[in-house]
Amino acid sequence: MKALLQYHAEFVEHEKLANRSPLYLRGLHYYGLRFVRWLEERHNVSRPEGLTREHVEAWAKHVREIVTTKGMPLRPTSVIKLIDCSRVFLVWLSTHGAVSAVIPAALPKIRPPDVLPTSVLTHKQMMRLLRAVDRTTPEGVQLHAMLEFLYSSGVRIAELLGLDLDKVDLVNRQAIVWGKGSKERVVAIGESAARFTETYLKAFRPTLSHNVGERALWLDRQGGRMPYATFRRKLLAVAQRVGLPVNITAHTFRRSFATEMIRAGADLWPITIQMGQKSPEALRPYIKLTIPDLKKTHARCHPRERDDR
């Protein structure tokens, strides 16, 4: 029987052929490999026939006990990803007869905690961050346009990086993105984001492009599609210069977009569609985040509150 590493490579390739999103595939590859390598290093298990329910239960316990380099426990979302990516791989092995169905069933299903988003910037803080981008180089102009696009549209970073030139209509200020579940949707782009993107496309993208056939909107120094690691490195460099009291990630822009839209009184359904969520229920944490705004509205509008004044 084949080794788990070989099975895992075949599993990821199978999911790739099923048109899974790049973000989903990256998680399957990274988190799944951690599971497979842990089995081999800790329990000397390299083939599915040696895998037992006890090994899987030990993995779940190990994931909960992992600490970061700063001595902090993993975030709940990271714990869930590690366990879920392990589960889908084991289910795939089970459907191919490599392991018993009781093996994937040994992994617990963890519900995400109902907590408030922490990595959120106010509009004032967001403007500080955007102004800190060095726009004296083509790379800087591109990064600024990317951040404006993220903040304006609320798209996921994988959706942004996956954009092709023919999927962006700056005249009508809209774009077609490829989201979760391999679903395409049309998103609106704000006027500022469209203007900065147009400047990048006309004046600076040609200097970054080394291949006339490259259709990616955002490019790295080699002229190919910008990978997530490159974007993350550039964003962190800007964030460190600004020194805002928030752990800034690519998802910060998505959270900040949702928070500001809700705070301004936007209807939940348009935001839900724009962000590619299944229902307004997914926006519940952002609504909680704006409780101070709700209190102000209540004090201003409720008739009993007005009586006291």
Protein backbone atom coordinates (compact mmCIF):
# COMPACT_ATOMS: atom_id res chain seq x y z
CA MET A 1 0.00 0.00 0.00
CA LYS A 2 1.20 3.52 -0.78
CA ALA A 3 2.63 5.87 1.83
CA LEU A 4 0.46 8.55 3.42
CA LEU A 5 2.54 11.28 1.82
CA GLN A 6 1.78 9.88 -1.63
CA TYR A 7 -1.89 9.52 -0.79
CA HIS A 8 -1.97 13.10 0.43
CA ALA A 9 -0.42 14.41 -2.79
CA GLU A 10 -3.04 12.52 -4.79
CA PHE A 11 -5.78 13.87 -2.54
CA VAL A 12 -4.72 17.49 -3.05
CA GLU A 13 -4.49 16.92 -6.81
CA HIS A 14 -7.99 15.40 -6.76
CA GLU A 15 -9.35 18.51 -5.02
CA LYS A 16 -7.50 20.74 -7.47
CA LEU A 17 -9.18 18.98 -10.41
CA ALA A 18 -12.50 19.60 -8.66
CA ASN A 19 -11.88 23.35 -9.13
CA ARG A 20 -11.44 24.14 -5.44
CA SER A 21 -10.36 27.68 -4.61
CA PRO A 22 -6.61 28.41 -4.27
CA LEU A 23 -7.09 29.37 -0.61
CA TYR A 24 -8.81 26.06 0.16
CA LEU A 25 -6.13 24.07 -1.66
CA ARG A 26 -3.35 25.89 0.18
CA GLY A 27 -4.95 24.95 3.49
CA LEU A 28 -5.37 21.31 2.50
CA HIS A 29 -1.73 21.11 1.46
CA TYR A 30 -0.21 22.91 4.45
CA TYR A 31 -2.38 21.59 7.28
CA GLY A 32 -2.65 18.10 5.82
CA LEU A 33 1.13 17.78 5.55
CA ARG A 34 1.50 18.77 9.20
CA PHE A 35 -0.78 15.90 10.13
CA VAL A 36 1.02 13.34 7.96
CA ARG A 37 4.48 14.38 9.12
CA TRP A 38 3.38 14.39 12.77
CA LEU A 39 2.18 10.80 12.42
CA GLU A 40 5.53 9.73 11.03
CA GLU A 41 7.68 11.68 13.50
CA ARG A 42 5.70 10.95 16.67
CA HIS A 43 4.30 7.48 16.00
CA ASN A 44 6.40 6.13 13.12
CA VAL A 45 3.21 5.77 11.05
CA SER A 46 3.88 6.38 7.36
CA ARG A 47 1.27 4.11 5.76
CA PRO A 48 -2.51 4.02 6.22
CA GLU A 49 -2.56 0.39 7.38
CA GLY A 50 -0.67 1.44 10.51
CA LEU A 51 -3.09 4.23 11.38
CA THR A 52 -5.43 3.65 14.32
CA ARG A 53 -8.22 5.55 16.04
CA GLU A 54 -5.87 6.19 18.96
CA HIS A 55 -3.41 7.97 16.65
CA VAL A 56 -6.13 10.26 15.37
CA GLU A 57 -7.38 11.06 18.87
CA ALA A 58 -3.80 11.82 19.93
CA TRP A 59 -3.48 14.20 16.98
CA ALA A 60 -6.60 16.11 18.06
CA LYS A 61 -5.21 16.39 21.59
CA HIS A 62 -1.83 17.52 20.25
CA VAL A 63 -3.41 20.26 18.10
CA ARG A 64 -5.17 21.74 21.11
CA GLU A 65 -1.85 21.86 22.99
CA ILE A 66 0.26 23.53 20.28
CA VAL A 67 1.76 26.87 21.25
CA THR A 68 3.24 29.54 19.02
CA THR A 69 6.82 30.82 19.13
CA LYS A 70 5.55 33.50 21.53
CA GLY A 71 4.22 30.86 23.90
CA MET A 72 0.57 31.51 23.06
CA PRO A 73 -1.98 28.81 22.17
CA LEU A 74 -3.15 28.56 18.60
CA ARG A 75 -6.14 30.64 17.63
CA PRO A 76 -9.40 28.66 17.52
CA THR A 77 -9.57 29.13 13.75
CA SER A 78 -6.13 27.51 13.33
CA VAL A 79 -7.11 24.58 15.56
CA ILE A 80 -10.26 24.07 13.50
CA LYS A 81 -8.36 24.22 10.21
CA LEU A 82 -5.79 21.67 11.35
CA ILE A 83 -8.47 19.22 12.46
CA ASP A 84 -10.84 19.81 9.54
CA CYS A 85 -8.10 19.41 6.90
CA SER A 86 -7.04 16.18 8.60
CA ARG A 87 -10.65 14.96 8.62
CA VAL A 88 -11.35 15.56 4.92
CA PHE A 89 -8.13 13.75 4.03
CA LEU A 90 -9.07 10.78 6.22
CA VAL A 91 -12.57 10.70 4.76
CA TRP A 92 -11.03 10.59 1.29
CA LEU A 93 -8.76 7.71 2.39
CA SER A 94 -11.83 5.94 3.76
CA THR A 95 -13.76 6.29 0.51
CA HIS A 96 -10.77 4.75 -1.29
CA GLY A 97 -10.63 1.82 1.10
CA ALA A 98 -7.28 2.79 2.61
CA VAL A 99 -8.61 3.23 6.19
CA SER A 100 -11.73 2.27 8.13
CA ALA A 101 -14.61 4.74 8.37
CA VAL A 102 -14.12 4.87 12.16
CA ILE A 103 -10.75 6.62 11.67
CA PRO A 104 -12.06 10.02 10.45
CA ALA A 105 -15.00 9.74 12.87
CA ALA A 106 -12.50 9.88 15.75
CA LEU A 107 -11.77 13.55 15.06
CA PRO A 108 -14.04 15.95 16.99
CA LYS A 109 -16.07 18.59 15.20
CA ILE A 110 -15.23 21.91 16.80
CA ARG A 111 -17.59 24.85 16.55
CA PRO A 112 -15.93 28.24 16.12
CA PRO A 113 -16.26 30.39 19.25
CA ASP A 114 -18.71 33.26 19.05
CA VAL A 115 -16.25 36.10 19.57
CA LEU A 116 -15.87 39.61 18.28
CA PRO A 117 -13.37 40.28 15.49
CA THR A 118 -10.22 41.86 16.88
CA SER A 119 -8.27 42.73 13.75
CA VAL A 120 -10.42 45.69 12.69
CA LEU A 121 -9.34 49.21 11.81
CA THR A 122 -11.40 52.36 12.06
CA HIS A 123 -11.60 54.41 8.88
CA LYS A 124 -9.12 56.90 10.35
CA GLN A 125 -6.65 54.12 11.11
CA MET A 126 -7.18 52.63 7.66
CA MET A 127 -6.31 55.96 6.04
CA ARG A 128 -3.12 56.13 8.10
CA LEU A 129 -2.17 52.69 6.83
CA LEU A 130 -2.95 53.51 3.19
CA ARG A 131 -0.98 56.77 3.34
CA ALA A 132 2.04 54.90 4.71
CA VAL A 133 2.50 52.95 1.48
CA ASP A 134 5.50 54.18 -0.50
CA ARG A 135 4.09 55.13 -3.91
CA THR A 136 7.38 56.21 -5.46
CA THR A 137 7.92 52.78 -7.07
CA PRO A 138 5.76 50.59 -9.35
CA GLU A 139 5.60 47.95 -6.58
CA GLY A 140 4.41 50.55 -4.09
CA VAL A 141 1.74 51.89 -6.44
CA GLN A 142 0.54 48.34 -7.02
CA LEU A 143 0.41 47.57 -3.29
CA HIS A 144 -1.54 50.75 -2.61
CA ALA A 145 -4.05 49.86 -5.33
CA MET A 146 -4.40 46.34 -3.89
CA LEU A 147 -5.10 47.64 -0.38
CA GLU A 148 -7.60 50.17 -1.69
CA PHE A 149 -9.29 47.36 -3.63
CA LEU A 150 -9.48 45.14 -0.53
CA TYR A 151 -10.90 47.88 1.68
CA SER A 152 -13.35 49.06 -0.97
CA SER A 153 -14.75 45.66 -1.95
CA GLY A 154 -14.36 43.43 1.12
CA VAL A 155 -13.13 40.52 -1.03
CA ARG A 156 -10.96 37.75 0.36
CA ILE A 157 -7.23 37.93 -0.32
CA ALA A 158 -7.35 34.77 -2.45
CA GLU A 159 -10.09 36.39 -4.54
CA LEU A 160 -7.99 39.52 -4.99
CA LEU A 161 -4.84 37.65 -5.97
CA GLY A 162 -6.81 35.44 -8.35
CA LEU A 163 -8.11 38.36 -10.41
CA ASP A 164 -7.32 38.44 -14.13
CA LEU A 165 -7.27 41.53 -16.31
CA ASP A 166 -10.44 40.61 -18.17
CA LYS A 167 -12.37 40.14 -14.91
CA VAL A 168 -12.12 43.81 -13.89
CA ASP A 169 -14.39 46.49 -15.37
CA LEU A 170 -13.17 49.83 -14.07
CA VAL A 171 -15.61 51.85 -16.18
CA ASN A 172 -18.59 50.26 -14.43
CA ARG A 173 -16.57 49.77 -11.21
CA GLN A 174 -17.13 46.04 -10.83
CA ALA A 175 -15.13 42.81 -10.91
CA ILE A 176 -15.78 39.09 -11.19
CA VAL A 177 -14.05 37.15 -8.42
CA TRP A 178 -13.69 33.42 -7.87
CA GLY A 179 -14.78 32.73 -4.31
CA LYS A 180 -15.29 29.84 -1.92
CA GLY A 181 -16.88 26.72 -3.33
CA SER A 182 -15.51 27.61 -6.77
CA LYS A 183 -18.31 30.13 -7.22
CA GLU A 184 -17.98 33.31 -9.23
CA ARG A 185 -19.70 36.51 -8.19
CA VAL A 186 -19.74 40.13 -9.24
CA VAL A 187 -18.52 42.65 -6.66
CA ALA A 188 -18.71 46.42 -6.65
CA ILE A 189 -15.55 48.54 -6.54
CA GLY A 190 -15.47 51.98 -4.99
CA GLU A 191 -14.53 55.06 -6.98
CA SER A 192 -11.21 55.58 -5.18
CA ALA A 193 -10.17 51.95 -5.58
CA ALA A 194 -11.10 52.04 -9.28
CA ARG A 195 -9.09 55.22 -9.80
CA PHE A 196 -5.95 53.87 -8.11
CA THR A 197 -6.27 50.55 -9.94
CA GLU A 198 -6.61 52.35 -13.27
CA THR A 199 -3.46 54.38 -12.56
CA TYR A 200 -1.58 51.21 -11.73
CA LEU A 201 -2.78 49.45 -14.89
CA LYS A 202 -1.98 52.28 -17.29
CA ALA A 203 1.27 53.62 -15.89
CA PHE A 204 2.92 50.97 -13.72
CA ARG A 205 1.81 47.42 -14.55
CA PRO A 206 3.64 47.56 -17.94
CA THR A 207 6.92 48.10 -16.09
CA LEU A 208 6.31 45.00 -13.95
CA SER A 209 5.11 42.76 -16.78
CA HIS A 210 7.75 40.61 -18.48
CA ASN A 211 5.32 38.37 -20.33
CA VAL A 212 2.72 39.81 -22.70
CA GLY A 213 0.62 36.69 -22.21
CA GLU A 214 0.33 37.07 -18.42
CA ARG A 215 -3.32 37.77 -17.56
CA ALA A 216 -2.94 38.20 -13.79
CA LEU A 217 -3.92 41.66 -12.56
CA TRP A 218 -1.35 41.81 -9.74
CA LEU A 219 2.27 40.86 -10.47
CA ASP A 220 5.42 39.98 -8.55
CA ARG A 221 8.95 41.04 -9.49
CA GLN A 222 9.25 38.15 -11.93
CA GLY A 223 6.18 39.32 -13.79
CA GLY A 224 4.01 36.40 -12.71
CA ARG A 225 0.88 36.31 -10.55
CA MET A 226 1.67 37.65 -7.09
CA PRO A 227 1.69 34.87 -4.46
CA TYR A 228 0.17 35.32 -1.02
CA ALA A 229 3.55 35.19 0.74
CA THR A 230 4.80 38.18 -1.27
CA PHE A 231 1.69 40.22 -0.55
CA ARG A 232 1.82 39.35 3.15
CA ARG A 233 5.46 40.41 3.42
CA LYS A 234 4.74 43.78 1.79
CA LEU A 235 1.67 44.39 3.97
CA LEU A 236 3.49 43.58 7.20
CA ALA A 237 6.31 45.95 6.28
CA VAL A 238 3.82 48.81 5.92
CA ALA A 239 1.91 47.84 9.06
CA GLN A 240 5.10 47.84 11.14
CA ARG A 241 5.96 51.35 9.96
CA VAL A 242 2.55 52.67 11.01
CA GLY A 243 2.56 50.94 14.40
CA LEU A 244 -1.20 50.60 14.81
CA PRO A 245 -2.39 48.71 17.95
CA VAL A 246 -3.96 45.95 15.83
CA ASN A 247 -2.59 42.73 14.40
CA ILE A 248 -3.00 43.65 10.73
CA THR A 249 -3.55 40.88 8.19
CA ALA A 250 -5.14 40.73 4.76
CA HIS A 251 -8.43 39.81 6.45
CA THR A 252 -8.32 43.07 8.41
CA PHE A 253 -9.50 44.87 5.29
CA ARG A 254 -12.46 42.53 4.86
CA ARG A 255 -13.49 42.92 8.50
CA SER A 256 -13.05 46.68 8.38
CA PHE A 257 -15.12 46.88 5.19
CA ALA A 258 -18.02 44.99 6.81
CA THR A 259 -17.84 46.96 10.04
CA GLU A 260 -17.85 50.37 8.36
CA MET A 261 -20.68 49.41 5.98
CA ILE A 262 -22.86 48.20 8.85
CA ARG A 263 -21.94 51.19 10.98
CA ALA A 264 -23.07 53.46 8.14
CA GLY A 265 -26.47 51.75 8.06
CA ALA A 266 -26.09 49.54 4.97
CA ASP A 267 -28.62 46.72 4.54
CA LEU A 268 -27.22 43.32 5.43
CA TRP A 269 -28.24 41.49 2.25
CA PRO A 270 -26.15 43.62 -0.14
CA ILE A 271 -23.14 43.25 2.17
CA THR A 272 -23.74 39.50 2.34
CA ILE A 273 -23.77 39.23 -1.46
CA GLN A 274 -20.75 41.51 -1.86
CA MET A 275 -18.69 39.44 0.59
CA GLY A 276 -19.78 36.09 -0.82
CA GLN A 277 -21.39 34.90 2.41
CA LYS A 278 -24.24 32.39 2.50
CA SER A 279 -26.51 34.45 4.74
CA PRO A 280 -26.55 37.62 6.85
CA GLU A 281 -25.97 35.36 9.87
CA ALA A 282 -22.28 35.36 8.95
CA LEU A 283 -22.22 39.11 9.62
CA ARG A 284 -23.46 38.74 13.19
CA PRO A 285 -20.00 39.33 14.77
CA TYR A 286 -19.71 42.64 12.92
CA ILE A 287 -23.13 43.72 14.18
CA LYS A 288 -22.00 42.98 17.72
CA LEU A 289 -18.91 45.05 17.14
CA THR A 290 -21.07 48.13 16.53
CA ILE A 291 -23.01 47.97 19.83
CA PRO A 292 -21.72 51.47 20.82
CA ASP A 293 -23.28 52.80 17.62
CA LEU A 294 -26.54 51.01 18.39
CA LYS A 295 -26.60 52.55 21.86
CA LYS A 296 -26.13 56.01 20.40
CA THR A 297 -28.94 55.39 17.92
CA HIS A 298 -31.18 54.09 20.69
CA ALA A 299 -30.54 57.15 22.86
CA ARG A 300 -31.21 59.48 19.94
CA CYS A 301 -34.30 57.79 18.50
CA HIS A 302 -36.25 55.95 21.19
CA PRO A 303 -39.22 58.08 22.40
CA ARG A 304 -38.68 57.20 26.06
CA GLU A 305 -35.10 58.38 25.87
CA ARG A 306 -36.28 61.64 24.33
CA ASP A 307 -38.80 62.05 27.16
CA ASP A 308 -35.97 62.17 29.70
CA ARG A 309 -34.33 64.98 27.79
